[in-house]
Amino acid sequence: MHNPHLHAVLTGDLIKSRQASTAAVDATLKALGDAAATFGTVWGLDLRFTRFRGDGWQVVLSNPGLLLDAALYFIARLRAGQTGIATRISIGVGPIESLGSHDLADATGPAFFISGDHLGHMGRNRMITLSGTGIGAAQVAIIDLAECIATGWTATQAEAVALHLEGDVPRHEDIAAKLGVTRQAIQSRLSGAGLPYFDTALYAMRNHDFSLPVQGPP
């Protein structure tokens, strides 16, 4: 359920960016910025994509129920773009005090603090973490399983997933037409990407009431 007082903040940094060229880092962050713009257009949101500290980035979702959609979309767009660099994503849910002036560089509030703090404590082998208001064991489990599956996507699977997440359950025929492949090829890619299972998880997260008390971690 959408609570207007709660937001989801996604804070990320690029994995092994110091081993990559400046051009590759810039291309990856541009891909993330483009993804944020597209996602915002699809859902009617202003994500206010902001780049930090060379290889860091941040967006905000006024509807926290879309946090899984957004995280998977960013991962899919990077994998499909084959920039060679992946990103970690720390998601924090909570109220905000200010969205900042021109971008999120001077934004503030609990959701920003939670997201930023947990990024610094993520394990080396983790890609997504979730914490904050209304987050319990069930939501953490969804994120953990989603990460496990998404890390195994091929570039072509990720490309199909990204297009799937850009629409309101788009037809396989439409995705196939955009990619110039057969409907059967799209079905195979989405099935291999685990999308039938993701769809149920996406529905659960979109309809979760983050304002209600939860049990379990965090």
C-alpha atoms as a PDB file:
ATOM      1  CA  MET A   1       0.000   0.000   0.000  1.00  0.00           C
ATOM      2  CA  HIS A   2       1.278   3.461  -0.888  1.00  0.00           C
ATOM      3  CA  ASN A   3       1.894   5.565   2.230  1.00  0.00           C
ATOM      4  CA  PRO A   4       2.618   9.166   1.120  1.00  0.00           C
ATOM      5  CA  HIS A   5       4.793   9.769   4.174  1.00  0.00           C
ATOM      6  CA  LEU A   6       7.191   6.919   3.408  1.00  0.00           C
ATOM      7  CA  HIS A   7       9.748   6.773   0.617  1.00  0.00           C
ATOM      8  CA  ALA A   8      12.309   4.254  -0.599  1.00  0.00           C
ATOM      9  CA  VAL A   9      15.820   5.522  -1.238  1.00  0.00           C
ATOM     10  CA  LEU A  10      18.172   3.438  -3.369  1.00  0.00           C
ATOM     11  CA  THR A  11      21.843   4.215  -2.840  1.00  0.00           C
ATOM     12  CA  GLY A  12      24.397   2.415  -4.962  1.00  0.00           C
ATOM     13  CA  ASP A  13      28.024   2.224  -5.917  1.00  0.00           C
ATOM     14  CA  LEU A  14      29.754   0.436  -8.743  1.00  0.00           C
ATOM     15  CA  ILE A  15      31.493  -2.863  -8.085  1.00  0.00           C
ATOM     16  CA  LYS A  16      35.243  -2.904  -8.778  1.00  0.00           C
ATOM     17  CA  SER A  17      35.036   0.492 -10.441  1.00  0.00           C
ATOM     18  CA  ARG A  18      38.690   1.221  -9.623  1.00  0.00           C
ATOM     19  CA  GLN A  19      39.679  -1.580 -11.946  1.00  0.00           C
ATOM     20  CA  ALA A  20      37.670  -0.067 -14.794  1.00  0.00           C
ATOM     21  CA  SER A  21      38.422   2.851 -17.078  1.00  0.00           C
ATOM     22  CA  THR A  22      36.904   6.271 -16.527  1.00  0.00           C
ATOM     23  CA  ALA A  23      34.977   5.846 -19.761  1.00  0.00           C
ATOM     24  CA  ALA A  24      33.457   2.556 -18.561  1.00  0.00           C
ATOM     25  CA  VAL A  25      32.459   4.103 -15.223  1.00  0.00           C
ATOM     26  CA  ASP A  26      30.876   7.082 -16.963  1.00  0.00           C
ATOM     27  CA  ALA A  27      29.033   4.790 -19.386  1.00  0.00           C
ATOM     28  CA  THR A  28      27.695   2.687 -16.515  1.00  0.00           C
ATOM     29  CA  LEU A  29      26.438   5.683 -14.568  1.00  0.00           C
ATOM     30  CA  LYS A  30      24.863   7.088 -17.712  1.00  0.00           C
ATOM     31  CA  ALA A  31      23.080   3.766 -18.193  1.00  0.00           C
ATOM     32  CA  LEU A  32      21.776   4.003 -14.634  1.00  0.00           C
ATOM     33  CA  GLY A  33      20.658   7.585 -15.189  1.00  0.00           C
ATOM     34  CA  ASP A  34      18.856   6.606 -18.386  1.00  0.00           C
ATOM     35  CA  ALA A  35      17.243   3.683 -16.560  1.00  0.00           C
ATOM     36  CA  ALA A  36      16.032   6.008 -13.803  1.00  0.00           C
ATOM     37  CA  ALA A  37      14.517   8.342 -16.394  1.00  0.00           C
ATOM     38  CA  THR A  38      12.710   5.508 -18.166  1.00  0.00           C
ATOM     39  CA  PHE A  39      11.470   3.946 -14.931  1.00  0.00           C
ATOM     40  CA  GLY A  40      10.198   7.326 -13.792  1.00  0.00           C
ATOM     41  CA  THR A  41       8.336   7.856 -17.054  1.00  0.00           C
ATOM     42  CA  VAL A  42       6.710   4.425 -16.848  1.00  0.00           C
ATOM     43  CA  TRP A  43       5.499   4.930 -13.275  1.00  0.00           C
ATOM     44  CA  GLY A  44       4.944   8.697 -13.337  1.00  0.00           C
ATOM     45  CA  LEU A  45       7.678   9.419 -10.781  1.00  0.00           C
ATOM     46  CA  ASP A  46      10.640  11.763 -10.511  1.00  0.00           C
ATOM     47  CA  LEU A  47      13.498   9.584  -9.222  1.00  0.00           C
ATOM     48  CA  ARG A  48      15.933  12.552  -9.124  1.00  0.00           C
ATOM     49  CA  PHE A  49      18.926  10.431 -10.169  1.00  0.00           C
ATOM     50  CA  THR A  50      22.066  11.868  -8.584  1.00  0.00           C
ATOM     51  CA  ARG A  51      25.702  10.841  -8.988  1.00  0.00           C
ATOM     52  CA  PHE A  52      27.951  10.843  -5.898  1.00  0.00           C
ATOM     53  CA  ARG A  53      31.656  10.478  -5.216  1.00  0.00           C
ATOM     54  CA  GLY A  54      32.712   9.388  -8.648  1.00  0.00           C
ATOM     55  CA  ASP A  55      31.084   5.947  -8.718  1.00  0.00           C
ATOM     56  CA  GLY A  56      28.121   6.417  -6.368  1.00  0.00           C
ATOM     57  CA  TRP A  57      24.500   7.148  -7.236  1.00  0.00           C
ATOM     58  CA  GLN A  58      21.127   7.590  -5.603  1.00  0.00           C
ATOM     59  CA  VAL A  59      17.427   7.739  -6.466  1.00  0.00           C
ATOM     60  CA  VAL A  60      14.244   8.167  -4.447  1.00  0.00           C
ATOM     61  CA  LEU A  61      10.867   6.464  -4.872  1.00  0.00           C
ATOM     62  CA  SER A  62       7.805   8.237  -3.496  1.00  0.00           C
ATOM     63  CA  ASN A  63       6.087   4.833  -3.657  1.00  0.00           C
ATOM     64  CA  PRO A  64       8.200   2.311  -1.693  1.00  0.00           C
ATOM     65  CA  GLY A  65       6.127  -0.540  -3.087  1.00  0.00           C
ATOM     66  CA  LEU A  66       8.108  -0.187  -6.309  1.00  0.00           C
ATOM     67  CA  LEU A  67      11.490  -0.793  -4.684  1.00  0.00           C
ATOM     68  CA  LEU A  68      11.862  -4.330  -6.022  1.00  0.00           C
ATOM     69  CA  ASP A  69      10.778  -3.260  -9.503  1.00  0.00           C
ATOM     70  CA  ALA A  70      13.380  -0.489  -9.480  1.00  0.00           C
ATOM     71  CA  ALA A  71      16.241  -2.586  -8.107  1.00  0.00           C
ATOM     72  CA  LEU A  72      15.672  -5.371 -10.631  1.00  0.00           C
ATOM     73  CA  TYR A  73      15.283  -2.865 -13.444  1.00  0.00           C
ATOM     74  CA  PHE A  74      18.603  -1.174 -12.703  1.00  0.00           C
ATOM     75  CA  ILE A  75      20.383  -4.519 -12.486  1.00  0.00           C
ATOM     76  CA  ALA A  76      18.763  -5.720 -15.708  1.00  0.00           C
ATOM     77  CA  ARG A  77      19.624  -2.565 -17.634  1.00  0.00           C
ATOM     78  CA  LEU A  78      23.287  -2.781 -16.622  1.00  0.00           C
ATOM     79  CA  ARG A  79      23.526  -6.479 -17.464  1.00  0.00           C
ATOM     80  CA  ALA A  80      21.778  -5.928 -20.792  1.00  0.00           C
ATOM     81  CA  GLY A  81      23.988  -2.949 -21.641  1.00  0.00           C
ATOM     82  CA  GLN A  82      27.084  -5.044 -21.010  1.00  0.00           C
ATOM     83  CA  THR A  83      29.101  -2.153 -19.605  1.00  0.00           C
ATOM     84  CA  GLY A  84      31.163  -4.703 -17.706  1.00  0.00           C
ATOM     85  CA  ILE A  85      30.419  -3.073 -14.351  1.00  0.00           C
ATOM     86  CA  ALA A  86      27.708  -4.079 -11.885  1.00  0.00           C
ATOM     87  CA  THR A  87      26.291  -2.085  -8.999  1.00  0.00           C
ATOM     88  CA  ARG A  88      25.442  -2.689  -5.381  1.00  0.00           C
ATOM     89  CA  ILE A  89      22.111  -1.296  -4.179  1.00  0.00           C
ATOM     90  CA  SER A  90      21.152  -0.430  -0.608  1.00  0.00           C
ATOM     91  CA  ILE A  91      17.442   0.267  -0.180  1.00  0.00           C
ATOM     92  CA  GLY A  92      16.201   2.246   2.808  1.00  0.00           C
ATOM     93  CA  VAL A  93      12.517   2.779   3.572  1.00  0.00           C
ATOM     94  CA  GLY A  94      11.319   5.578   5.814  1.00  0.00           C
ATOM     95  CA  PRO A  95      10.164   9.184   5.968  1.00  0.00           C
ATOM     96  CA  ILE A  96      12.143  12.005   4.410  1.00  0.00           C
ATOM     97  CA  GLU A  97      12.623  15.583   5.558  1.00  0.00           C
ATOM     98  CA  SER A  98      13.741  17.168   2.292  1.00  0.00           C
ATOM     99  CA  LEU A  99      14.248  16.036  -1.307  1.00  0.00           C
ATOM    100  CA  GLY A 100      16.982  18.613  -1.712  1.00  0.00           C
ATOM    101  CA  SER A 101      17.185  21.598  -3.997  1.00  0.00           C
ATOM    102  CA  HIS A 102      18.300  20.656  -7.508  1.00  0.00           C
ATOM    103  CA  ASP A 103      19.108  16.986  -6.860  1.00  0.00           C
ATOM    104  CA  LEU A 104      19.562  14.595  -3.923  1.00  0.00           C
ATOM    105  CA  ALA A 105      22.982  15.931  -2.909  1.00  0.00           C
ATOM    106  CA  ASP A 106      21.403  17.941  -0.087  1.00  0.00           C
ATOM    107  CA  ALA A 107      18.361  15.718   0.542  1.00  0.00           C
ATOM    108  CA  THR A 108      17.877  14.461   4.081  1.00  0.00           C
ATOM    109  CA  GLY A 109      15.737  12.251   6.279  1.00  0.00           C
ATOM    110  CA  PRO A 110      15.668   8.752   7.836  1.00  0.00           C
ATOM    111  CA  ALA A 111      15.202   6.956   4.494  1.00  0.00           C
ATOM    112  CA  PHE A 112      18.426   8.543   3.185  1.00  0.00           C
ATOM    113  CA  PHE A 113      20.341   7.741   6.378  1.00  0.00           C
ATOM    114  CA  ILE A 114      19.205   4.106   6.401  1.00  0.00           C
ATOM    115  CA  SER A 115      20.063   3.592   2.750  1.00  0.00           C
ATOM    116  CA  GLY A 116      23.489   5.200   2.972  1.00  0.00           C
ATOM    117  CA  ASP A 117      24.481   3.547   6.250  1.00  0.00           C
ATOM    118  CA  HIS A 118      23.601   0.049   5.072  1.00  0.00           C
ATOM    119  CA  LEU A 119      25.517   0.477   1.833  1.00  0.00           C
ATOM    120  CA  GLY A 120      28.669   0.927   3.882  1.00  0.00           C
ATOM    121  CA  HIS A 121      27.999  -2.308   5.769  1.00  0.00           C
ATOM    122  CA  MET A 122      27.115  -4.544   2.840  1.00  0.00           C
ATOM    123  CA  GLY A 123      29.142  -7.704   2.476  1.00  0.00           C
ATOM    124  CA  ARG A 124      31.534  -7.995  -0.436  1.00  0.00           C
ATOM    125  CA  ASN A 125      29.430 -10.636  -2.135  1.00  0.00           C
ATOM    126  CA  ARG A 126      26.064  -8.907  -1.762  1.00  0.00           C
ATOM    127  CA  MET A 127      24.305  -6.913  -4.467  1.00  0.00           C
ATOM    128  CA  ILE A 128      21.071  -5.753  -2.787  1.00  0.00           C
ATOM    129  CA  THR A 129      20.170  -4.993   0.801  1.00  0.00           C
ATOM    130  CA  LEU A 130      16.878  -3.743   2.272  1.00  0.00           C
ATOM    131  CA  SER A 131      16.087  -2.164   5.623  1.00  0.00           C
ATOM    132  CA  GLY A 132      13.852   0.398   7.289  1.00  0.00           C
ATOM    133  CA  THR A 133      10.215   1.025   8.149  1.00  0.00           C
ATOM    134  CA  GLY A 134       7.863  -1.864   7.491  1.00  0.00           C
ATOM    135  CA  ILE A 135      10.659  -4.233   6.528  1.00  0.00           C
ATOM    136  CA  GLY A 136      10.525  -7.651   8.121  1.00  0.00           C
ATOM    137  CA  ALA A 137      11.720 -11.168   7.468  1.00  0.00           C
ATOM    138  CA  ALA A 138       9.389 -11.688   4.497  1.00  0.00           C
ATOM    139  CA  GLN A 139      10.583  -8.596   2.634  1.00  0.00           C
ATOM    140  CA  VAL A 140      14.236  -9.376   3.314  1.00  0.00           C
ATOM    141  CA  ALA A 141      13.713 -12.939   2.080  1.00  0.00           C
ATOM    142  CA  ILE A 142      12.193 -11.661  -1.177  1.00  0.00           C
ATOM    143  CA  ILE A 143      15.192  -9.401  -1.746  1.00  0.00           C
ATOM    144  CA  ASP A 144      17.683 -12.154  -0.943  1.00  0.00           C
ATOM    145  CA  LEU A 145      16.084 -14.618  -3.336  1.00  0.00           C
ATOM    146  CA  ALA A 146      15.658 -11.978  -6.030  1.00  0.00           C
ATOM    147  CA  GLU A 147      19.351 -11.127  -5.798  1.00  0.00           C
ATOM    148  CA  CYS A 148      20.335 -14.787  -6.020  1.00  0.00           C
ATOM    149  CA  ILE A 149      18.360 -15.240  -9.235  1.00  0.00           C
ATOM    150  CA  ALA A 150      19.222 -11.887 -10.842  1.00  0.00           C
ATOM    151  CA  THR A 151      22.962 -12.391 -10.480  1.00  0.00           C
ATOM    152  CA  GLY A 152      22.672 -15.345 -12.862  1.00  0.00           C
ATOM    153  CA  TRP A 153      20.993 -13.462 -15.707  1.00  0.00           C
ATOM    154  CA  THR A 154      22.606 -13.501 -19.113  1.00  0.00           C
ATOM    155  CA  ALA A 155      22.669 -10.286 -21.150  1.00  0.00           C
ATOM    156  CA  THR A 156      19.792 -11.447 -23.369  1.00  0.00           C
ATOM    157  CA  GLN A 157      17.709 -12.547 -20.374  1.00  0.00           C
ATOM    158  CA  ALA A 158      18.321  -9.206 -18.673  1.00  0.00           C
ATOM    159  CA  GLU A 159      17.331  -7.343 -21.816  1.00  0.00           C
ATOM    160  CA  ALA A 160      13.986  -9.148 -21.919  1.00  0.00           C
ATOM    161  CA  VAL A 161      13.429  -8.626 -18.180  1.00  0.00           C
ATOM    162  CA  ALA A 162      14.091  -4.890 -18.496  1.00  0.00           C
ATOM    163  CA  LEU A 163      11.494  -4.561 -21.249  1.00  0.00           C
ATOM    164  CA  HIS A 164       9.034  -6.608 -19.215  1.00  0.00           C
ATOM    165  CA  LEU A 165       9.472  -4.225 -16.272  1.00  0.00           C
ATOM    166  CA  GLU A 166       8.920  -1.193 -18.488  1.00  0.00           C
ATOM    167  CA  GLY A 167       5.282  -1.957 -19.108  1.00  0.00           C
ATOM    168  CA  ASP A 168       2.097  -3.097 -17.420  1.00  0.00           C
ATOM    169  CA  VAL A 169       2.601  -6.807 -18.102  1.00  0.00           C
ATOM    170  CA  PRO A 170       3.562  -6.315 -21.759  1.00  0.00           C
ATOM    171  CA  ARG A 171       2.814  -9.112 -24.187  1.00  0.00           C
ATOM    172  CA  HIS A 172       5.644 -11.381 -25.189  1.00  0.00           C
ATOM    173  CA  GLU A 173       4.857 -10.503 -28.786  1.00  0.00           C
ATOM    174  CA  ASP A 174       5.558  -6.827 -28.089  1.00  0.00           C
ATOM    175  CA  ILE A 175       8.885  -7.558 -26.420  1.00  0.00           C
ATOM    176  CA  ALA A 176       9.834  -9.894 -29.260  1.00  0.00           C
ATOM    177  CA  ALA A 177       9.008  -7.207 -31.828  1.00  0.00           C
ATOM    178  CA  LYS A 178      11.237  -4.673 -30.057  1.00  0.00           C
ATOM    179  CA  LEU A 179      14.154  -7.092 -29.958  1.00  0.00           C
ATOM    180  CA  GLY A 180      13.598  -8.571 -33.396  1.00  0.00           C
ATOM    181  CA  VAL A 181      13.292 -12.154 -32.163  1.00  0.00           C
ATOM    182  CA  THR A 182      10.519 -14.722 -31.942  1.00  0.00           C
ATOM    183  CA  ARG A 183       7.876 -14.919 -29.234  1.00  0.00           C
ATOM    184  CA  GLN A 184       9.239 -18.329 -28.299  1.00  0.00           C
ATOM    185  CA  ALA A 185      12.701 -16.833 -27.793  1.00  0.00           C
ATOM    186  CA  ILE A 186      11.284 -14.235 -25.380  1.00  0.00           C
ATOM    187  CA  GLN A 187       9.355 -16.884 -23.484  1.00  0.00           C
ATOM    188  CA  SER A 188      12.532 -18.906 -23.130  1.00  0.00           C
ATOM    189  CA  ARG A 189      14.563 -15.908 -21.939  1.00  0.00           C
ATOM    190  CA  LEU A 190      11.996 -14.775 -19.387  1.00  0.00           C
ATOM    191  CA  SER A 191      11.480 -18.301 -18.110  1.00  0.00           C
ATOM    192  CA  GLY A 192      15.231 -18.788 -17.771  1.00  0.00           C
ATOM    193  CA  ALA A 193      15.433 -15.482 -15.895  1.00  0.00           C
ATOM    194  CA  GLY A 194      12.903 -16.746 -13.348  1.00  0.00           C
ATOM    195  CA  LEU A 195      10.330 -14.110 -14.223  1.00  0.00           C
ATOM    196  CA  PRO A 196       7.242 -16.197 -13.321  1.00  0.00           C
ATOM    197  CA  TYR A 197       8.545 -16.223  -9.748  1.00  0.00           C
ATOM    198  CA  PHE A 198       9.525 -12.560  -9.817  1.00  0.00           C
ATOM    199  CA  ASP A 199       6.043 -11.525 -10.863  1.00  0.00           C
ATOM    200  CA  THR A 200       4.593 -12.927  -7.641  1.00  0.00           C
ATOM    201  CA  ALA A 201       7.303 -11.239  -5.563  1.00  0.00           C
ATOM    202  CA  LEU A 202       6.756  -7.920  -7.362  1.00  0.00           C
ATOM    203  CA  TYR A 203       3.034  -8.101  -6.637  1.00  0.00           C
ATOM    204  CA  ALA A 204       3.673  -8.842  -2.965  1.00  0.00           C
ATOM    205  CA  MET A 205       6.094  -5.930  -2.583  1.00  0.00           C
ATOM    206  CA  ARG A 206       3.896  -3.487  -4.485  1.00  0.00           C
ATOM    207  CA  ASN A 207       0.962  -4.269  -2.203  1.00  0.00           C
ATOM    208  CA  HIS A 208       2.844  -4.441   1.091  1.00  0.00           C
ATOM    209  CA  ASP A 209       1.736  -1.906   3.724  1.00  0.00           C
ATOM    210  CA  PHE A 210       5.033  -0.444   4.934  1.00  0.00           C
ATOM    211  CA  SER A 211       3.303   1.477   7.712  1.00  0.00           C
ATOM    212  CA  LEU A 212       2.300  -1.688   9.595  1.00  0.00           C
ATOM    213  CA  PRO A 213       4.516  -3.288  12.286  1.00  0.00           C
ATOM    214  CA  VAL A 214       6.376  -6.372  11.101  1.00  0.00           C
ATOM    215  CA  GLN A 215       8.100  -9.314  12.728  1.00  0.00           C
ATOM    216  CA  GLY A 216      11.651 -10.462  12.197  1.00  0.00           C
ATOM    217  CA  PRO A 217      14.746  -8.713  10.828  1.00  0.00           C
ATOM    218  CA  PRO A 218      15.786  -6.051  10.471  1.00  0.00           C
END
